[in-house]
Amino acid sequence: MRLPRDISGRDLAAALTRLGYQVSHQTGSHIRLTTRRGGEHHITIPAHPAIRVGTLSAILRDIGDHHHLSREELLKELF
């Protein structure tokens, strides 16, 4: 499965609620999300209209590592 090319930061934040992430705060154009599932984990995502593919890939890699999910499993879960 390919990474989505047109996902916004807000859409990604909404999708991450499926994994237990909640917005903890926002500073400028960056949204900070936190989950306690599988231990406490924080992730910062840009609140841009379209997240760059490399940035999205790095965010998803960090989340997949925390939840012990492969990239394919994570993409199926979120999208």
C-alpha atoms as a PDB file:
ATOM      1  CA  MET A   1       0.000   0.000   0.000  1.00  0.00           C
ATOM      2  CA  ARG A   2       1.319   3.438  -0.932  1.00  0.00           C
ATOM      3  CA  LEU A   3       1.466   6.382   1.413  1.00  0.00           C
ATOM      4  CA  PRO A   4      -1.309   8.916   0.870  1.00  0.00           C
ATOM      5  CA  ARG A   5      -0.031  11.922  -1.073  1.00  0.00           C
ATOM      6  CA  ASP A   6      -2.575  14.515   0.007  1.00  0.00           C
ATOM      7  CA  ILE A   7      -3.180  13.975   3.720  1.00  0.00           C
ATOM      8  CA  SER A   8      -3.251  17.054   5.922  1.00  0.00           C
ATOM      9  CA  GLY A   9      -1.897  17.267   9.442  1.00  0.00           C
ATOM     10  CA  ARG A  10      -5.402  17.530  10.869  1.00  0.00           C
ATOM     11  CA  ASP A  11      -6.556  14.451   8.923  1.00  0.00           C
ATOM     12  CA  LEU A  12      -3.559  12.491  10.178  1.00  0.00           C
ATOM     13  CA  ALA A  13      -4.263  13.573  13.767  1.00  0.00           C
ATOM     14  CA  ALA A  14      -7.866  12.378  13.362  1.00  0.00           C
ATOM     15  CA  ALA A  15      -6.695   9.017  11.952  1.00  0.00           C
ATOM     16  CA  LEU A  16      -4.264   8.547  14.845  1.00  0.00           C
ATOM     17  CA  THR A  17      -7.145   8.592  17.349  1.00  0.00           C
ATOM     18  CA  ARG A  18      -7.715   4.964  16.222  1.00  0.00           C
ATOM     19  CA  LEU A  19      -4.422   4.107  17.920  1.00  0.00           C
ATOM     20  CA  GLY A  20      -5.303   5.988  21.098  1.00  0.00           C
ATOM     21  CA  TYR A  21      -3.526   9.254  20.301  1.00  0.00           C
ATOM     22  CA  GLN A  22      -5.020  12.495  21.592  1.00  0.00           C
ATOM     23  CA  VAL A  23      -3.980  16.063  20.906  1.00  0.00           C
ATOM     24  CA  SER A  24      -2.064  17.232  23.971  1.00  0.00           C
ATOM     25  CA  HIS A  25      -1.337  20.729  22.633  1.00  0.00           C
ATOM     26  CA  GLN A  26      -0.543  22.775  19.560  1.00  0.00           C
ATOM     27  CA  THR A  27       2.202  25.340  19.147  1.00  0.00           C
ATOM     28  CA  GLY A  28       2.092  27.336  15.941  1.00  0.00           C
ATOM     29  CA  SER A  29       1.790  24.959  13.010  1.00  0.00           C
ATOM     30  CA  HIS A  30       2.731  21.792  14.919  1.00  0.00           C
ATOM     31  CA  ILE A  31       0.351  19.438  16.707  1.00  0.00           C
ATOM     32  CA  ARG A  32       1.611  17.334  19.621  1.00  0.00           C
ATOM     33  CA  LEU A  33      -0.168  13.992  20.124  1.00  0.00           C
ATOM     34  CA  THR A  34       0.177  11.607  23.048  1.00  0.00           C
ATOM     35  CA  THR A  35      -0.900   8.021  23.684  1.00  0.00           C
ATOM     36  CA  ARG A  36      -0.576   5.803  26.711  1.00  0.00           C
ATOM     37  CA  ARG A  37      -1.314   2.596  24.773  1.00  0.00           C
ATOM     38  CA  GLY A  38       1.761   0.366  24.937  1.00  0.00           C
ATOM     39  CA  GLY A  39       3.497   2.908  27.161  1.00  0.00           C
ATOM     40  CA  GLU A  40       3.556   6.670  26.862  1.00  0.00           C
ATOM     41  CA  HIS A  41       4.486   7.952  23.410  1.00  0.00           C
ATOM     42  CA  HIS A  42       4.567  11.482  21.976  1.00  0.00           C
ATOM     43  CA  ILE A  43       4.582  12.466  18.322  1.00  0.00           C
ATOM     44  CA  THR A  44       4.659  15.907  16.709  1.00  0.00           C
ATOM     45  CA  ILE A  45       3.071  16.412  13.316  1.00  0.00           C
ATOM     46  CA  PRO A  46       2.891  19.537  11.146  1.00  0.00           C
ATOM     47  CA  ALA A  47      -0.577  21.081  10.763  1.00  0.00           C
ATOM     48  CA  HIS A  48       0.021  21.727   7.063  1.00  0.00           C
ATOM     49  CA  PRO A  49      -2.540  21.327   4.264  1.00  0.00           C
ATOM     50  CA  ALA A  50      -0.461  18.469   2.800  1.00  0.00           C
ATOM     51  CA  ILE A  51       2.296  16.633   4.674  1.00  0.00           C
ATOM     52  CA  ARG A  52       5.356  15.814   2.559  1.00  0.00           C
ATOM     53  CA  VAL A  53       5.844  12.140   1.814  1.00  0.00           C
ATOM     54  CA  GLY A  54       9.221  11.913   3.594  1.00  0.00           C
ATOM     55  CA  THR A  55       7.833  13.593   6.703  1.00  0.00           C
ATOM     56  CA  LEU A  56       4.793  11.310   6.718  1.00  0.00           C
ATOM     57  CA  SER A  57       7.024   8.258   6.281  1.00  0.00           C
ATOM     58  CA  ALA A  58       9.180   9.259   9.272  1.00  0.00           C
ATOM     59  CA  ILE A  59       6.106   9.902  11.452  1.00  0.00           C
ATOM     60  CA  LEU A  60       4.570   6.542  10.548  1.00  0.00           C
ATOM     61  CA  ARG A  61       7.900   4.730  11.134  1.00  0.00           C
ATOM     62  CA  ASP A  62       8.097   6.187  14.652  1.00  0.00           C
ATOM     63  CA  ILE A  63       4.491   5.222  15.401  1.00  0.00           C
ATOM     64  CA  GLY A  64       4.949   1.727  13.931  1.00  0.00           C
ATOM     65  CA  ASP A  65       8.055   1.152  16.044  1.00  0.00           C
ATOM     66  CA  HIS A  66       6.194   2.131  19.206  1.00  0.00           C
ATOM     67  CA  HIS A  67       3.169  -0.075  18.468  1.00  0.00           C
ATOM     68  CA  HIS A  68       5.233  -2.949  16.975  1.00  0.00           C
ATOM     69  CA  LEU A  69       3.379  -2.714  13.654  1.00  0.00           C
ATOM     70  CA  SER A  70       4.813  -3.061  10.174  1.00  0.00           C
ATOM     71  CA  ARG A  71       4.257  -0.210   7.746  1.00  0.00           C
ATOM     72  CA  GLU A  72       1.590  -2.225   5.889  1.00  0.00           C
ATOM     73  CA  GLU A  73      -0.279  -3.076   9.110  1.00  0.00           C
ATOM     74  CA  LEU A  74      -0.159   0.548  10.220  1.00  0.00           C
ATOM     75  CA  LEU A  75      -1.448   1.853   6.889  1.00  0.00           C
ATOM     76  CA  LYS A  76      -4.351  -0.644   6.959  1.00  0.00           C
ATOM     77  CA  GLU A  77      -5.201   0.438  10.512  1.00  0.00           C
ATOM     78  CA  LEU A  78      -5.140   4.168   9.756  1.00  0.00           C
ATOM     79  CA  PHE A  79      -6.372   4.471   6.193  1.00  0.00           C
END
